[in-house]
Amino acid sequence: MSVSIFCSPTELRLVVGSANNNRVKIEEFHELPLPETTMINGIITNPDSMLRYLKDVQKVRGPFGQDAVIVLESNLVRTKIMTIPKVAPRQVTLFVTDELKALADDASAAEEIYDYSIIGDNSNTGGLDVLGVAVGRPLLKPYLETFGASGFKVKKIDVGVNALIKIIDSCVPQLKADTNLFMFIDAKVLFITLFEDGGLRIIKKYRLIGEEGTLEYNQEIANHLSAMVQFQMGQHHEAGIHSIYTAGMAPERLAGLAGVVSYLNIPIEDIQLDNHLDFVGKAGFDGSEFRLSKYLLNIGGLLGK
């Protein structure tokens, strides 16, 4: 078992579990409010307060002595899907580093750490599709120091985009059957992923402004979906989006959004990922309280590499 950790702007979310292929075993899950002013845009702004809080979490809810993976989500994390030649791992790192350094100023690049995750073969070019990631050391350091000093055994830092890619790859095969969109909403952050002919092409993040669940909120989402549809059609002329999929959205919210985006004439549906989850131990008694939309990034952190 591992513990997957994700900090939203207002909550600490923990999932204790394990994953094997497309099955996820969940033993515990916790959604705990963060102290005010501790977290802004994925940045730990008050390490001392965060450390005291995490020690209390370990004492009251833990101890969490398992290997830990932190899923980091911030606008300061830069990601890019890129296609490169099939080369040795060391050369993949060089390709990714060069590509992401070229998009940063010299001061930012000097403080960044670069890494990558292989998405899969690119059938059109014969190369590899990879997700390149650039993260600044000042962003990472407080996570490693506060979680480590409070007793969490941090073995890996993942990022939100990669967590979603792993979920799609393991649990959502229908996305690879045609040209589709996958969207996921975590409160004020919207992720939209474009698949073309089974291949992952682009993933975008947007900050939502409106009040969650309102008509204005749904209209914001519709505008971003429409822009992605127009982008795809502009790139490939008459080829269009077959379906829009989402995950963890309550039926009433999905119905409200479907009404707003009906002008796109693209079906929208929620993917039932619950059949990939097994609740055991403590979670076996309160699995009915588990909300997939809250813990989707945690689950992605448990999956794959």
Protein backbone atom coordinates (compact mmCIF):
# COMPACT_ATOMS: atom_id res chain seq x y z
CA MET A 1 0.00 0.00 0.00
CA SER A 2 1.03 3.60 -0.67
CA VAL A 3 -0.43 6.91 0.39
CA SER A 4 -1.32 9.33 -2.41
CA ILE A 5 -1.40 12.99 -1.37
CA PHE A 6 -3.01 15.93 -3.15
CA CYS A 7 -3.43 19.48 -1.84
CA SER A 8 -6.26 21.44 -3.38
CA PRO A 9 -6.38 25.18 -2.59
CA THR A 10 -8.46 24.44 0.53
CA GLU A 11 -8.11 20.73 1.33
CA LEU A 12 -5.60 17.99 1.98
CA ARG A 13 -6.77 14.77 0.29
CA LEU A 14 -5.21 11.43 1.20
CA VAL A 15 -5.84 8.01 -0.32
CA VAL A 16 -4.16 4.90 1.06
CA GLY A 17 -4.21 2.12 -1.51
CA SER A 18 -2.54 0.26 -4.33
CA ALA A 19 -3.01 -0.20 -8.06
CA ASN A 20 -2.49 -3.07 -10.45
CA ASN A 21 -3.16 -2.43 -14.15
CA ASN A 22 -6.69 -0.95 -14.17
CA ARG A 23 -7.73 -2.02 -10.65
CA VAL A 24 -7.32 0.30 -7.68
CA LYS A 25 -7.63 -0.96 -4.11
CA ILE A 26 -8.52 1.75 -1.59
CA GLU A 27 -7.97 1.15 2.12
CA GLU A 28 -8.46 4.68 3.49
CA PHE A 29 -9.43 8.10 2.21
CA HIS A 30 -9.48 11.45 3.98
CA GLU A 31 -10.51 14.96 2.96
CA LEU A 32 -9.24 17.46 5.53
CA PRO A 33 -9.46 21.28 5.48
CA LEU A 34 -6.14 23.08 5.16
CA PRO A 35 -5.32 26.00 7.47
CA GLU A 36 -6.07 29.36 5.86
CA THR A 37 -3.19 31.06 3.98
CA THR A 38 -1.21 27.79 3.92
CA MET A 39 -1.72 27.07 0.20
CA ILE A 40 -2.12 29.42 -2.78
CA ASN A 41 -2.07 28.13 -6.38
CA GLY A 42 -0.39 24.91 -5.29
CA ILE A 43 2.35 26.82 -3.45
CA ILE A 44 2.98 26.17 0.26
CA THR A 45 3.08 29.77 1.45
CA ASN A 46 3.58 29.11 5.17
CA PRO A 47 5.87 26.07 5.70
CA ASP A 48 5.87 26.38 9.50
CA SER A 49 2.08 26.31 9.68
CA MET A 50 1.98 23.47 7.15
CA LEU A 51 4.45 21.41 9.16
CA ARG A 52 2.46 21.82 12.39
CA TYR A 53 -0.72 20.88 10.54
CA LEU A 54 0.81 17.76 8.94
CA LYS A 55 2.16 16.59 12.29
CA ASP A 56 -1.39 16.86 13.68
CA VAL A 57 -2.72 14.89 10.69
CA GLN A 58 -0.18 12.13 11.35
CA LYS A 59 -1.13 12.08 15.04
CA VAL A 60 -4.92 12.16 14.66
CA ARG A 61 -5.50 10.33 11.34
CA GLY A 62 -2.29 8.35 10.89
CA PRO A 63 0.35 7.38 11.27
CA PHE A 64 0.89 7.20 7.51
CA GLY A 65 4.11 5.21 7.30
CA GLN A 66 3.64 3.91 3.76
CA ASP A 67 5.63 5.12 0.78
CA ALA A 68 4.05 8.40 -0.28
CA VAL A 69 3.47 10.04 -3.66
CA ILE A 70 2.57 13.74 -3.78
CA VAL A 71 0.47 14.86 -6.75
CA LEU A 72 1.42 18.47 -7.41
CA GLU A 73 -1.00 20.78 -9.19
CA SER A 74 -0.03 24.40 -9.84
CA ASN A 75 0.07 26.88 -12.69
CA LEU A 76 3.80 27.08 -11.99
CA VAL A 77 4.25 23.49 -13.21
CA ARG A 78 4.95 23.58 -16.94
CA THR A 79 3.98 20.57 -19.05
CA LYS A 80 4.06 19.86 -22.76
CA ILE A 81 3.11 16.84 -24.85
CA MET A 82 5.80 16.36 -27.47
CA THR A 83 6.81 13.81 -30.08
CA ILE A 84 10.47 12.82 -30.19
CA PRO A 85 12.50 10.11 -31.96
CA LYS A 86 12.84 6.71 -30.29
CA VAL A 87 16.10 7.15 -28.40
CA ALA A 88 17.79 5.94 -25.22
CA PRO A 89 16.34 7.23 -21.91
CA ARG A 90 19.25 9.63 -21.36
CA GLN A 91 18.60 11.23 -24.74
CA VAL A 92 14.88 11.52 -23.98
CA THR A 93 15.81 13.65 -20.99
CA LEU A 94 17.98 15.86 -23.24
CA PHE A 95 15.17 16.31 -25.80
CA VAL A 96 12.67 17.24 -23.08
CA THR A 97 15.09 19.57 -21.29
CA ASP A 98 16.03 21.42 -24.47
CA GLU A 99 12.39 21.80 -25.52
CA LEU A 100 11.18 23.14 -22.17
CA LYS A 101 14.23 25.35 -21.58
CA ALA A 102 13.56 27.05 -24.90
CA LEU A 103 10.14 28.10 -23.59
CA ALA A 104 11.48 29.64 -20.35
CA ASP A 105 13.54 32.70 -19.57
CA ASP A 106 17.09 32.17 -18.32
CA ALA A 107 16.27 32.93 -14.68
CA SER A 108 13.38 30.44 -14.55
CA ALA A 109 15.30 27.72 -16.38
CA ALA A 110 18.16 27.91 -13.86
CA GLU A 111 15.75 27.02 -11.03
CA GLU A 112 13.85 24.25 -12.82
CA ILE A 113 14.00 20.45 -12.66
CA TYR A 114 13.03 18.58 -15.84
CA ASP A 115 11.47 15.15 -16.15
CA TYR A 116 9.23 13.20 -18.48
CA SER A 117 6.72 10.38 -18.73
CA ILE A 118 6.36 8.23 -21.84
CA ILE A 119 2.80 8.26 -23.19
CA GLY A 120 3.34 5.75 -26.00
CA ASP A 121 4.35 5.22 -29.60
CA ASN A 122 3.30 7.77 -32.20
CA SER A 123 1.96 5.79 -35.16
CA ASN A 124 2.20 8.74 -37.55
CA THR A 125 5.89 9.50 -37.03
CA GLY A 126 7.26 6.26 -35.65
CA GLY A 127 8.55 8.21 -32.66
CA LEU A 128 7.52 8.52 -29.02
CA ASP A 129 4.88 10.73 -27.46
CA VAL A 130 6.10 11.98 -24.09
CA LEU A 131 4.86 14.38 -21.45
CA GLY A 132 7.64 16.80 -20.57
CA VAL A 133 7.52 18.46 -17.14
CA ALA A 134 9.38 21.45 -15.71
CA VAL A 135 9.07 22.29 -12.00
CA GLY A 136 10.91 24.99 -10.08
CA ARG A 137 12.98 23.96 -7.07
CA PRO A 138 11.42 26.71 -4.88
CA LEU A 139 8.00 25.11 -5.50
CA LEU A 140 9.18 21.59 -4.69
CA LYS A 141 11.34 22.30 -1.65
CA PRO A 142 8.56 23.16 0.87
CA TYR A 143 6.63 20.01 -0.09
CA LEU A 144 9.63 17.76 0.44
CA GLU A 145 10.64 19.46 3.68
CA THR A 146 7.23 19.73 5.36
CA PHE A 147 5.87 16.31 4.40
CA GLY A 148 9.21 14.64 5.11
CA ALA A 149 9.66 16.28 8.52
CA SER A 150 6.10 15.33 9.53
CA GLY A 151 6.68 11.62 8.95
CA PHE A 152 5.53 11.00 5.37
CA LYS A 153 7.98 8.84 3.40
CA VAL A 154 7.92 10.77 0.13
CA LYS A 155 9.16 8.51 -2.67
CA LYS A 156 7.79 10.36 -5.68
CA ILE A 157 6.42 13.71 -6.83
CA ASP A 158 3.83 13.42 -9.62
CA VAL A 159 1.92 16.20 -11.40
CA GLY A 160 -1.80 16.54 -12.00
CA VAL A 161 -1.61 16.27 -15.79
CA ASN A 162 0.36 13.01 -15.62
CA ALA A 163 -2.04 11.61 -13.00
CA LEU A 164 -4.96 12.19 -15.40
CA ILE A 165 -3.06 10.67 -18.33
CA LYS A 166 -2.44 7.50 -16.31
CA ILE A 167 -6.13 7.21 -15.39
CA ILE A 168 -7.16 7.63 -19.02
CA ASP A 169 -4.59 5.09 -20.20
CA SER A 170 -5.58 2.49 -17.60
CA CYS A 171 -9.33 2.93 -17.21
CA VAL A 172 -10.86 4.78 -20.17
CA PRO A 173 -10.21 2.73 -23.34
CA GLN A 174 -13.18 4.28 -25.17
CA LEU A 175 -11.23 7.52 -25.51
CA LYS A 176 -8.77 5.74 -27.78
CA ALA A 177 -11.42 4.49 -30.20
CA ASP A 178 -12.05 7.78 -32.02
CA THR A 179 -11.51 11.54 -31.75
CA ASN A 180 -12.82 12.55 -28.33
CA LEU A 181 -12.48 15.05 -25.51
CA PHE A 182 -12.03 14.17 -21.87
CA MET A 183 -12.72 16.84 -19.25
CA PHE A 184 -12.22 16.85 -15.51
CA ILE A 185 -13.14 19.60 -13.05
CA ASP A 186 -11.65 20.05 -9.62
CA ALA A 187 -13.53 23.02 -8.16
CA LYS A 188 -11.92 25.98 -9.98
CA VAL A 189 -9.62 24.07 -12.34
CA LEU A 190 -10.78 22.58 -15.64
CA PHE A 191 -8.69 20.03 -17.55
CA ILE A 192 -9.55 19.29 -21.20
CA THR A 193 -7.74 16.50 -23.06
CA LEU A 194 -7.97 15.93 -26.82
CA PHE A 195 -7.59 12.45 -28.30
CA GLU A 196 -7.30 12.11 -32.08
CA ASP A 197 -7.61 8.66 -33.64
CA GLY A 198 -6.66 7.06 -30.35
CA GLY A 199 -3.63 9.26 -29.70
CA LEU A 200 -3.29 11.86 -26.94
CA ARG A 201 -2.66 15.18 -28.68
CA ILE A 202 -3.10 18.03 -26.23
CA ILE A 203 -4.13 18.72 -22.64
CA LYS A 204 -5.15 22.18 -21.42
CA LYS A 205 -5.83 23.64 -17.99
CA TYR A 206 -8.14 26.58 -17.30
CA ARG A 207 -8.93 28.53 -14.15
CA LEU A 208 -12.71 28.89 -13.69
CA ILE A 209 -14.03 32.14 -12.25
CA GLY A 210 -17.78 31.62 -11.76
CA GLU A 211 -19.53 30.15 -8.74
CA GLU A 212 -19.55 26.37 -8.95
CA GLY A 213 -22.82 24.97 -10.34
CA THR A 214 -24.18 28.28 -11.66
CA LEU A 215 -25.17 29.02 -15.25
CA GLU A 216 -22.14 31.33 -15.58
CA TYR A 217 -19.86 28.54 -14.37
CA ASN A 218 -21.30 26.10 -16.92
CA GLN A 219 -21.00 28.73 -19.64
CA GLU A 220 -17.30 29.15 -18.88
CA ILE A 221 -16.81 25.40 -19.28
CA ALA A 222 -18.85 25.43 -22.50
CA ASN A 223 -16.72 28.25 -23.93
CA HIS A 224 -13.51 26.32 -23.27
CA LEU A 225 -14.96 23.13 -24.77
CA SER A 226 -16.12 25.07 -27.82
CA ALA A 227 -12.66 26.58 -28.29
CA MET A 228 -11.09 23.10 -28.21
CA VAL A 229 -13.65 21.81 -30.74
CA GLN A 230 -12.91 24.75 -33.05
CA PHE A 231 -9.16 24.21 -32.65
CA GLN A 232 -9.47 20.54 -33.60
CA MET A 233 -11.65 21.26 -36.63
CA GLY A 234 -9.28 24.03 -37.74
CA GLN A 235 -6.39 21.59 -37.67
CA HIS A 236 -8.21 18.80 -39.46
CA HIS A 237 -10.87 20.55 -41.53
CA GLU A 238 -14.08 18.51 -41.48
CA ALA A 239 -13.00 15.94 -38.89
CA GLY A 240 -14.90 16.55 -35.66
CA ILE A 241 -15.21 15.44 -32.06
CA HIS A 242 -17.13 12.20 -31.59
CA SER A 243 -17.89 12.49 -27.84
CA ILE A 244 -17.10 14.48 -24.71
CA TYR A 245 -16.39 12.39 -21.61
CA THR A 246 -16.07 13.45 -18.01
CA ALA A 247 -15.50 11.64 -14.71
CA GLY A 248 -16.93 12.00 -11.24
CA MET A 249 -19.60 14.55 -12.14
CA ALA A 250 -22.90 14.28 -10.29
CA PRO A 251 -25.90 13.52 -12.57
CA GLU A 252 -27.63 16.84 -11.88
CA ARG A 253 -24.49 18.82 -12.67
CA LEU A 254 -23.90 16.81 -15.83
CA ALA A 255 -27.48 17.48 -16.96
CA GLY A 256 -27.03 21.22 -16.39
CA LEU A 257 -23.79 21.29 -18.34
CA ALA A 258 -25.21 19.14 -21.15
CA GLY A 259 -27.99 21.68 -21.63
CA VAL A 260 -25.52 24.54 -21.95
CA VAL A 261 -23.26 22.73 -24.47
CA SER A 262 -26.11 21.24 -26.53
CA TYR A 263 -25.35 23.70 -29.37
CA LEU A 264 -22.13 21.77 -30.04
CA ASN A 265 -24.19 18.72 -31.06
CA ILE A 266 -21.67 16.43 -29.35
CA PRO A 267 -22.87 13.88 -26.77
CA ILE A 268 -21.47 14.36 -23.27
CA GLU A 269 -21.43 11.58 -20.70
CA ASP A 270 -19.87 10.66 -17.39
CA ILE A 271 -17.54 7.65 -17.39
CA GLN A 272 -18.28 5.25 -14.57
CA LEU A 273 -14.86 4.60 -13.08
CA ASP A 274 -16.26 3.20 -9.84
CA ASN A 275 -16.11 -0.33 -11.28
CA HIS A 276 -12.31 -0.01 -11.26
CA LEU A 277 -12.25 0.63 -7.50
CA ASP A 278 -12.22 -1.91 -4.67
CA PHE A 279 -12.82 -0.66 -1.12
CA VAL A 280 -11.17 -2.70 1.62
CA GLY A 281 -10.26 -2.25 5.27
CA LYS A 282 -11.47 1.05 6.74
CA ALA A 283 -12.71 2.21 3.34
CA GLY A 284 -14.92 -0.88 3.09
CA PHE A 285 -17.16 0.58 5.79
CA ASP A 286 -17.56 4.07 4.32
CA GLY A 287 -17.00 3.56 0.59
CA SER A 288 -20.44 5.05 -0.11
CA GLU A 289 -19.04 8.43 1.00
CA PHE A 290 -16.23 8.32 -1.56
CA ARG A 291 -16.57 11.04 -4.23
CA LEU A 292 -14.54 10.28 -7.33
CA SER A 293 -14.32 13.94 -8.37
CA LYS A 294 -12.52 14.69 -5.10
CA TYR A 295 -9.96 11.92 -5.34
CA LEU A 296 -9.35 11.43 -9.07
CA LEU A 297 -5.84 12.92 -8.96
CA ASN A 298 -5.00 10.81 -5.90
CA ILE A 299 -6.00 7.68 -7.82
CA GLY A 300 -3.83 8.76 -10.74
CA GLY A 301 -0.94 9.10 -8.31
CA LEU A 302 -1.31 5.44 -7.33
CA LEU A 303 -1.33 4.24 -10.95
CA GLY A 304 1.70 3.44 -13.07
CA LYS A 305 4.98 5.34 -13.02
